[in-house]
N, C-alpha and C. Protein backbone atom coordinates (compact mmCIF):
# COMPACT_ATOMS: atom_id res chain seq x y z
N UNK A 1 0.83 -1.19 0.00
CA UNK A 1 0.00 0.00 0.00
C UNK A 1 0.87 1.26 0.00
N UNK A 2 2.00 1.20 0.68
CA UNK A 2 2.88 2.36 0.73
C UNK A 2 3.41 2.70 -0.66
N UNK A 3 3.73 1.67 -1.44
CA UNK A 3 4.19 1.89 -2.81
C UNK A 3 3.15 2.68 -3.60
N UNK A 4 1.89 2.28 -3.49
CA UNK A 4 0.83 2.99 -4.20
C UNK A 4 0.67 4.42 -3.70
N UNK A 5 0.73 4.61 -2.39
CA UNK A 5 0.63 5.96 -1.83
C UNK A 5 1.78 6.83 -2.32
N UNK A 6 2.98 6.28 -2.39
CA UNK A 6 4.13 7.03 -2.87
C UNK A 6 3.99 7.39 -4.35
N UNK A 7 3.19 6.63 -5.08
CA UNK A 7 2.95 6.91 -6.49
C UNK A 7 1.76 7.85 -6.67
N UNK A 8 1.24 8.40 -5.56
CA UNK A 8 0.13 9.34 -5.64
C UNK A 8 -1.23 8.68 -5.75
N UNK A 9 -1.31 7.40 -5.48
CA UNK A 9 -2.57 6.66 -5.55
C UNK A 9 -3.20 6.59 -4.16
N UNK A 10 -4.48 6.26 -4.12
CA UNK A 10 -5.20 6.09 -2.87
C UNK A 10 -5.67 4.65 -2.77
N UNK A 11 -4.86 3.78 -2.19
CA UNK A 11 -5.25 2.37 -2.14
C UNK A 11 -6.35 2.11 -1.11
N UNK A 12 -7.15 1.11 -1.39
CA UNK A 12 -8.17 0.63 -0.45
C UNK A 12 -8.09 -0.88 -0.41
N UNK A 13 -8.57 -1.46 0.66
CA UNK A 13 -8.60 -2.92 0.77
C UNK A 13 -9.95 -3.42 0.29
N UNK A 14 -9.93 -4.55 -0.41
CA UNK A 14 -11.16 -5.21 -0.82
C UNK A 14 -11.23 -6.56 -0.13
N UNK A 15 -12.43 -7.01 0.16
CA UNK A 15 -12.61 -8.26 0.88
C UNK A 15 -12.50 -9.48 -0.03
N UNK A 16 -12.84 -9.30 -1.32
CA UNK A 16 -12.71 -10.41 -2.26
C UNK A 16 -12.54 -9.87 -3.67
N UNK A 17 -12.01 -10.71 -4.51
CA UNK A 17 -11.70 -10.34 -5.88
C UNK A 17 -12.95 -10.44 -6.76
N UNK A 18 -13.21 -9.40 -7.54
CA UNK A 18 -14.30 -9.38 -8.51
C UNK A 18 -13.77 -8.74 -9.79
N UNK A 19 -14.42 -8.95 -10.93
CA UNK A 19 -13.97 -8.30 -12.16
C UNK A 19 -14.06 -6.78 -12.05
N UNK A 20 -13.01 -6.09 -12.41
CA UNK A 20 -13.00 -4.63 -12.41
C UNK A 20 -12.64 -4.02 -11.07
N UNK A 21 -12.17 -2.80 -11.14
CA UNK A 21 -11.85 -2.04 -9.92
C UNK A 21 -13.12 -1.42 -9.35
N UNK A 22 -13.11 -1.08 -8.07
CA UNK A 22 -14.29 -0.48 -7.42
C UNK A 22 -14.75 0.74 -8.21
N UNK A 23 -13.81 1.64 -8.50
CA UNK A 23 -14.16 2.87 -9.21
C UNK A 23 -14.74 2.61 -10.59
N UNK A 24 -14.14 1.67 -11.32
CA UNK A 24 -14.65 1.34 -12.66
C UNK A 24 -16.06 0.77 -12.58
N UNK A 25 -16.30 -0.09 -11.60
CA UNK A 25 -17.63 -0.69 -11.47
C UNK A 25 -18.68 0.38 -11.18
N UNK A 26 -18.37 1.30 -10.28
CA UNK A 26 -19.31 2.38 -9.96
C UNK A 26 -19.52 3.29 -11.17
N UNK A 27 -18.43 3.64 -11.83
CA UNK A 27 -18.50 4.52 -12.99
C UNK A 27 -19.35 3.89 -14.09
N UNK A 28 -19.16 2.62 -14.35
CA UNK A 28 -19.90 1.99 -15.44
C UNK A 28 -21.36 1.71 -15.09
N UNK A 29 -21.67 1.60 -13.80
CA UNK A 29 -23.08 1.51 -13.41
C UNK A 29 -23.78 2.83 -13.76
N UNK A 30 -23.11 3.95 -13.48
CA UNK A 30 -23.65 5.26 -13.85
C UNK A 30 -23.77 5.36 -15.37
N UNK A 31 -22.73 4.96 -16.09
CA UNK A 31 -22.76 5.03 -17.54
C UNK A 31 -23.87 4.17 -18.12
N UNK A 32 -24.10 2.99 -17.55
CA UNK A 32 -25.17 2.11 -18.05
C UNK A 32 -26.51 2.83 -17.99
N UNK A 33 -26.79 3.50 -16.87
CA UNK A 33 -28.06 4.21 -16.74
C UNK A 33 -28.10 5.43 -17.65
N UNK A 34 -26.98 6.13 -17.78
CA UNK A 34 -26.92 7.29 -18.67
C UNK A 34 -27.21 6.88 -20.11
N UNK A 35 -26.60 5.80 -20.56
CA UNK A 35 -26.84 5.30 -21.92
C UNK A 35 -28.29 4.89 -22.08
N UNK A 36 -28.84 4.24 -21.07
CA UNK A 36 -30.23 3.80 -21.13
C UNK A 36 -31.19 4.99 -21.27
N UNK A 37 -30.93 6.07 -20.56
CA UNK A 37 -31.79 7.25 -20.66
C UNK A 37 -31.81 7.79 -22.09
N UNK A 38 -30.64 7.80 -22.73
CA UNK A 38 -30.55 8.28 -24.11
C UNK A 38 -31.17 7.25 -25.06
N UNK A 39 -30.82 5.99 -24.86
CA UNK A 39 -31.32 4.93 -25.74
C UNK A 39 -32.84 4.88 -25.78
N UNK A 40 -33.48 5.11 -24.64
CA UNK A 40 -34.93 5.02 -24.56
C UNK A 40 -35.63 6.35 -24.81
N UNK A 41 -34.88 7.35 -25.29
CA UNK A 41 -35.48 8.62 -25.67
C UNK A 41 -35.97 9.47 -24.52
N UNK A 42 -35.51 9.21 -23.32
CA UNK A 42 -35.93 9.98 -22.15
C UNK A 42 -35.31 11.36 -22.18
N UNK A 43 -34.07 11.44 -22.63
CA UNK A 43 -33.37 12.71 -22.79
C UNK A 43 -32.20 12.48 -23.74
N UNK A 44 -31.51 13.57 -24.08
CA UNK A 44 -30.35 13.41 -24.96
C UNK A 44 -29.07 13.40 -24.12
N UNK A 45 -27.96 13.12 -24.80
CA UNK A 45 -26.67 13.01 -24.11
C UNK A 45 -26.29 14.30 -23.40
N UNK A 46 -26.59 15.42 -24.01
CA UNK A 46 -26.26 16.71 -23.40
C UNK A 46 -27.00 16.89 -22.08
N UNK A 47 -28.25 16.49 -22.02
CA UNK A 47 -29.02 16.61 -20.78
C UNK A 47 -28.41 15.76 -19.67
N UNK A 48 -28.04 14.52 -20.00
CA UNK A 48 -27.41 13.64 -19.01
C UNK A 48 -26.14 14.28 -18.46
N UNK A 49 -25.28 14.74 -19.37
CA UNK A 49 -24.01 15.32 -18.95
C UNK A 49 -24.21 16.59 -18.13
N UNK A 50 -25.17 17.42 -18.53
CA UNK A 50 -25.45 18.65 -17.79
C UNK A 50 -25.93 18.36 -16.38
N UNK A 51 -26.85 17.41 -16.24
CA UNK A 51 -27.36 17.07 -14.91
C UNK A 51 -26.25 16.56 -14.00
N UNK A 52 -25.43 15.66 -14.52
CA UNK A 52 -24.34 15.11 -13.70
C UNK A 52 -23.37 16.21 -13.29
N UNK A 53 -22.94 17.03 -14.26
CA UNK A 53 -21.94 18.06 -13.97
C UNK A 53 -22.47 19.16 -13.07
N UNK A 54 -23.76 19.46 -13.14
CA UNK A 54 -24.29 20.59 -12.37
C UNK A 54 -24.96 20.16 -11.06
N UNK A 55 -24.98 18.88 -10.78
CA UNK A 55 -25.62 18.44 -9.53
C UNK A 55 -24.68 17.55 -8.74
N UNK A 56 -24.95 16.28 -8.68
CA UNK A 56 -24.19 15.41 -7.78
C UNK A 56 -22.73 15.26 -8.18
N UNK A 57 -22.40 15.49 -9.44
CA UNK A 57 -21.00 15.42 -9.86
C UNK A 57 -20.11 16.39 -9.10
N UNK A 58 -20.65 17.53 -8.75
CA UNK A 58 -19.90 18.53 -7.99
C UNK A 58 -19.60 18.06 -6.57
N UNK A 59 -20.46 17.23 -6.04
CA UNK A 59 -20.29 16.78 -4.65
C UNK A 59 -19.38 15.56 -4.53
N UNK A 60 -19.20 14.81 -5.62
CA UNK A 60 -18.52 13.53 -5.53
C UNK A 60 -17.08 13.62 -5.02
N UNK A 61 -16.41 14.72 -5.24
CA UNK A 61 -15.03 14.84 -4.78
C UNK A 61 -14.93 14.93 -3.26
N UNK A 62 -16.02 15.35 -2.62
CA UNK A 62 -15.97 15.52 -1.16
C UNK A 62 -16.99 14.68 -0.40
N UNK A 63 -17.92 14.06 -1.13
CA UNK A 63 -18.99 13.31 -0.48
C UNK A 63 -19.29 12.08 -1.30
N UNK A 64 -18.83 10.92 -0.82
CA UNK A 64 -19.09 9.68 -1.52
C UNK A 64 -20.56 9.30 -1.45
N UNK A 65 -20.99 8.33 -2.25
CA UNK A 65 -22.41 7.99 -2.30
C UNK A 65 -22.98 7.48 -0.98
N UNK A 66 -22.18 6.74 -0.23
CA UNK A 66 -22.71 6.22 1.03
C UNK A 66 -22.67 7.28 2.14
N UNK A 67 -21.69 8.19 2.07
CA UNK A 67 -21.71 9.35 2.97
C UNK A 67 -22.94 10.19 2.68
N UNK A 68 -23.27 10.36 1.39
CA UNK A 68 -24.44 11.13 1.01
C UNK A 68 -25.72 10.47 1.53
N UNK A 69 -25.79 9.14 1.42
CA UNK A 69 -26.96 8.42 1.95
C UNK A 69 -27.10 8.65 3.45
N UNK A 70 -25.98 8.62 4.17
CA UNK A 70 -26.04 8.89 5.61
C UNK A 70 -26.39 10.35 5.89
N UNK A 71 -25.91 11.26 5.04
CA UNK A 71 -26.21 12.68 5.23
C UNK A 71 -27.70 12.95 5.08
N UNK A 72 -28.31 12.45 4.01
CA UNK A 72 -29.74 12.70 3.79
C UNK A 72 -30.61 11.77 4.64
N UNK A 73 -30.03 10.68 5.09
CA UNK A 73 -30.74 9.71 5.91
C UNK A 73 -30.99 8.44 5.14
N UNK A 74 -30.73 7.32 5.79
CA UNK A 74 -30.97 6.05 5.11
C UNK A 74 -32.46 5.81 4.89
N UNK A 75 -33.31 6.45 5.71
CA UNK A 75 -34.75 6.32 5.50
C UNK A 75 -35.17 6.98 4.18
N UNK A 76 -34.64 8.16 3.89
CA UNK A 76 -34.95 8.82 2.62
C UNK A 76 -34.35 8.03 1.46
N UNK A 77 -33.13 7.52 1.65
CA UNK A 77 -32.49 6.70 0.62
C UNK A 77 -33.34 5.48 0.31
N UNK A 78 -33.84 4.81 1.34
CA UNK A 78 -34.72 3.66 1.14
C UNK A 78 -35.99 4.05 0.39
N UNK A 79 -36.58 5.18 0.75
CA UNK A 79 -37.80 5.63 0.08
C UNK A 79 -37.54 5.88 -1.40
N UNK A 80 -36.42 6.56 -1.71
CA UNK A 80 -36.07 6.82 -3.11
C UNK A 80 -35.84 5.51 -3.84
N UNK A 81 -35.10 4.60 -3.21
CA UNK A 81 -34.85 3.30 -3.84
C UNK A 81 -36.16 2.56 -4.11
N UNK A 82 -37.10 2.65 -3.20
CA UNK A 82 -38.40 1.98 -3.39
C UNK A 82 -39.13 2.51 -4.62
N UNK A 83 -38.90 3.78 -4.95
CA UNK A 83 -39.57 4.39 -6.09
C UNK A 83 -38.80 4.24 -7.40
N UNK A 84 -37.47 4.25 -7.34
CA UNK A 84 -36.67 4.40 -8.55
C UNK A 84 -35.99 3.11 -9.02
N UNK A 85 -35.51 2.28 -8.12
CA UNK A 85 -34.67 1.16 -8.53
C UNK A 85 -35.34 0.20 -9.50
N UNK A 86 -36.63 -0.02 -9.35
CA UNK A 86 -37.31 -0.96 -10.25
C UNK A 86 -37.29 -0.49 -11.69
N UNK A 87 -37.12 0.81 -11.90
CA UNK A 87 -37.15 1.37 -13.25
C UNK A 87 -35.76 1.56 -13.85
N UNK A 88 -34.70 1.28 -13.10
CA UNK A 88 -33.35 1.45 -13.62
C UNK A 88 -32.99 0.32 -14.57
N UNK A 89 -32.05 0.61 -15.45
CA UNK A 89 -31.58 -0.38 -16.42
C UNK A 89 -30.94 -1.55 -15.68
N UNK A 90 -31.34 -2.78 -16.06
CA UNK A 90 -30.81 -3.97 -15.41
C UNK A 90 -30.22 -4.96 -16.40
N UNK A 91 -30.09 -4.55 -17.64
CA UNK A 91 -29.55 -5.44 -18.66
C UNK A 91 -28.15 -5.91 -18.27
N UNK A 92 -27.91 -7.19 -18.39
CA UNK A 92 -26.63 -7.76 -17.98
C UNK A 92 -25.49 -7.44 -18.95
N UNK A 93 -25.80 -7.29 -20.20
CA UNK A 93 -24.76 -7.04 -21.20
C UNK A 93 -24.76 -5.59 -21.65
N UNK A 94 -23.89 -5.29 -22.61
CA UNK A 94 -23.82 -3.92 -23.13
C UNK A 94 -25.11 -3.52 -23.84
N UNK A 95 -25.35 -2.23 -23.88
CA UNK A 95 -26.52 -1.68 -24.56
C UNK A 95 -26.43 -1.92 -26.07
N UNK A 96 -27.54 -2.28 -26.67
CA UNK A 96 -27.59 -2.43 -28.13
C UNK A 96 -27.31 -1.08 -28.80
N UNK A 97 -27.74 -0.02 -28.18
CA UNK A 97 -27.49 1.33 -28.69
C UNK A 97 -25.99 1.60 -28.75
N UNK A 98 -25.27 1.26 -27.69
CA UNK A 98 -23.82 1.44 -27.64
C UNK A 98 -23.14 0.54 -28.68
N UNK A 99 -23.60 -0.68 -28.78
CA UNK A 99 -23.04 -1.59 -29.79
C UNK A 99 -23.24 -1.04 -31.20
N UNK A 100 -24.41 -0.44 -31.46
CA UNK A 100 -24.67 0.16 -32.77
C UNK A 100 -23.75 1.35 -33.03
N UNK A 101 -23.53 2.18 -32.02
CA UNK A 101 -22.62 3.31 -32.19
C UNK A 101 -21.24 2.82 -32.63
N UNK A 102 -20.72 1.86 -31.90
CA UNK A 102 -19.39 1.32 -32.21
C UNK A 102 -19.40 0.64 -33.58
N UNK A 103 -20.42 -0.14 -33.86
CA UNK A 103 -20.52 -0.84 -35.14
C UNK A 103 -20.59 0.11 -36.32
N UNK A 104 -21.11 1.31 -36.09
CA UNK A 104 -21.21 2.31 -37.14
C UNK A 104 -20.03 3.28 -37.15
N UNK A 105 -18.98 2.94 -36.38
CA UNK A 105 -17.78 3.77 -36.37
C UNK A 105 -17.91 5.06 -35.60
N UNK A 106 -18.97 5.19 -34.82
CA UNK A 106 -19.17 6.39 -34.00
C UNK A 106 -18.48 6.16 -32.65
N UNK A 107 -17.18 6.44 -32.64
CA UNK A 107 -16.32 6.08 -31.51
C UNK A 107 -16.07 7.23 -30.55
N UNK A 108 -16.88 8.27 -30.61
CA UNK A 108 -16.71 9.40 -29.71
C UNK A 108 -15.83 10.47 -30.32
N UNK A 109 -15.13 11.18 -29.48
CA UNK A 109 -14.32 12.31 -29.93
C UNK A 109 -13.29 11.89 -30.97
N UNK A 110 -12.75 10.68 -30.86
CA UNK A 110 -11.69 10.27 -31.79
C UNK A 110 -12.19 10.08 -33.21
N UNK A 111 -13.50 9.87 -33.38
CA UNK A 111 -14.04 9.75 -34.74
C UNK A 111 -14.93 10.94 -35.11
N UNK A 112 -15.14 11.84 -34.17
CA UNK A 112 -15.97 13.01 -34.43
C UNK A 112 -17.44 12.83 -34.08
N UNK A 113 -17.83 11.61 -33.70
CA UNK A 113 -19.21 11.38 -33.29
C UNK A 113 -19.29 10.15 -32.42
N UNK A 114 -20.11 10.23 -31.40
CA UNK A 114 -20.43 9.13 -30.51
C UNK A 114 -21.86 9.38 -30.06
N UNK A 115 -22.04 9.64 -28.79
CA UNK A 115 -23.36 10.05 -28.29
C UNK A 115 -23.69 11.46 -28.79
N UNK A 116 -22.64 12.24 -29.05
CA UNK A 116 -22.76 13.59 -29.60
C UNK A 116 -21.84 13.71 -30.81
N UNK A 117 -22.04 14.75 -31.60
CA UNK A 117 -21.11 15.08 -32.69
C UNK A 117 -20.06 16.03 -32.12
N UNK A 118 -18.80 15.82 -32.53
CA UNK A 118 -17.68 16.61 -32.00
C UNK A 118 -16.84 17.17 -33.14
N UNK A 119 -16.62 18.47 -33.11
CA UNK A 119 -15.63 19.05 -34.01
C UNK A 119 -14.28 18.89 -33.31
N UNK A 120 -13.21 19.04 -34.08
CA UNK A 120 -11.87 18.93 -33.48
C UNK A 120 -11.68 19.99 -32.40
N UNK A 121 -12.19 21.19 -32.62
CA UNK A 121 -12.02 22.25 -31.62
C UNK A 121 -12.86 21.99 -30.37
N UNK A 122 -14.05 21.43 -30.52
CA UNK A 122 -14.87 21.09 -29.35
C UNK A 122 -14.19 20.01 -28.51
N UNK A 123 -13.65 19.00 -29.18
CA UNK A 123 -12.95 17.92 -28.46
C UNK A 123 -11.73 18.47 -27.74
N UNK A 124 -10.97 19.33 -28.41
CA UNK A 124 -9.78 19.93 -27.78
C UNK A 124 -10.18 20.77 -26.58
N UNK A 125 -11.29 21.48 -26.70
CA UNK A 125 -11.76 22.32 -25.59
C UNK A 125 -12.13 21.47 -24.37
N UNK A 126 -12.81 20.35 -24.60
CA UNK A 126 -13.16 19.45 -23.49
C UNK A 126 -11.91 18.88 -22.85
N UNK A 127 -10.97 18.43 -23.66
CA UNK A 127 -9.72 17.88 -23.11
C UNK A 127 -8.97 18.93 -22.30
N UNK A 128 -8.93 20.15 -22.79
CA UNK A 128 -8.25 21.23 -22.06
C UNK A 128 -8.98 21.54 -20.76
N UNK A 129 -10.31 21.54 -20.79
CA UNK A 129 -11.09 21.80 -19.58
C UNK A 129 -10.83 20.74 -18.52
N UNK A 130 -10.76 19.49 -18.92
CA UNK A 130 -10.49 18.40 -17.98
C UNK A 130 -9.08 18.55 -17.40
N UNK A 131 -8.11 18.82 -18.25
CA UNK A 131 -6.72 18.97 -17.78
C UNK A 131 -6.60 20.14 -16.81
N UNK A 132 -7.23 21.26 -17.13
CA UNK A 132 -7.20 22.42 -16.23
C UNK A 132 -7.85 22.10 -14.90
N UNK A 133 -8.98 21.45 -14.94
CA UNK A 133 -9.69 21.07 -13.71
C UNK A 133 -8.82 20.17 -12.84
N UNK A 134 -8.20 19.17 -13.45
CA UNK A 134 -7.37 18.24 -12.69
C UNK A 134 -6.14 18.94 -12.11
N UNK A 135 -5.54 19.86 -12.85
CA UNK A 135 -4.40 20.62 -12.31
C UNK A 135 -4.83 21.48 -11.12
N UNK A 136 -5.97 22.15 -11.24
CA UNK A 136 -6.48 22.97 -10.13
C UNK A 136 -6.79 22.10 -8.92
N UNK A 137 -7.40 20.97 -9.14
CA UNK A 137 -7.72 20.06 -8.04
C UNK A 137 -6.45 19.57 -7.36
N UNK A 138 -5.45 19.23 -8.16
CA UNK A 138 -4.18 18.76 -7.61
C UNK A 138 -3.54 19.87 -6.77
N UNK A 139 -3.59 21.11 -7.24
CA UNK A 139 -3.02 22.24 -6.50
C UNK A 139 -3.74 22.44 -5.18
N UNK A 140 -5.05 22.28 -5.19
CA UNK A 140 -5.83 22.43 -3.96
C UNK A 140 -5.48 21.34 -2.96
N UNK A 141 -5.30 20.12 -3.47
CA UNK A 141 -5.03 18.98 -2.59
C UNK A 141 -3.59 18.97 -2.06
N UNK A 142 -2.69 19.68 -2.74
CA UNK A 142 -1.28 19.70 -2.29
C UNK A 142 -1.07 20.53 -1.08
């Protein structure tokens, strides 16, 4: 663990081995639902990204999902789960919509289109915004 800490990583202990890292599993659960919202015509990709970036995405750096559940109360969390979980995407495999995007060469920013269409300047702007954000965050954490 010290080796990882010295490399700037934040190691955690896991009780048993499962496919994927904790962070990847959580991230892809979010992505599965985001893709499902777009696939089923509930909203477009821009709406998904805007909601995440302007709401809970801002809190994630300082408040993990289970801390948030404790903050709002496990009773409220249970009530929300009782209303929402049955309607969430539960497909075991990849989305057919995602498979179609890839099959049609719509590989995201690298091909100019994925869930959204991207010009070279728009893609460069997003990459620069992410890099700037990460540098600022690193400076704050130092």
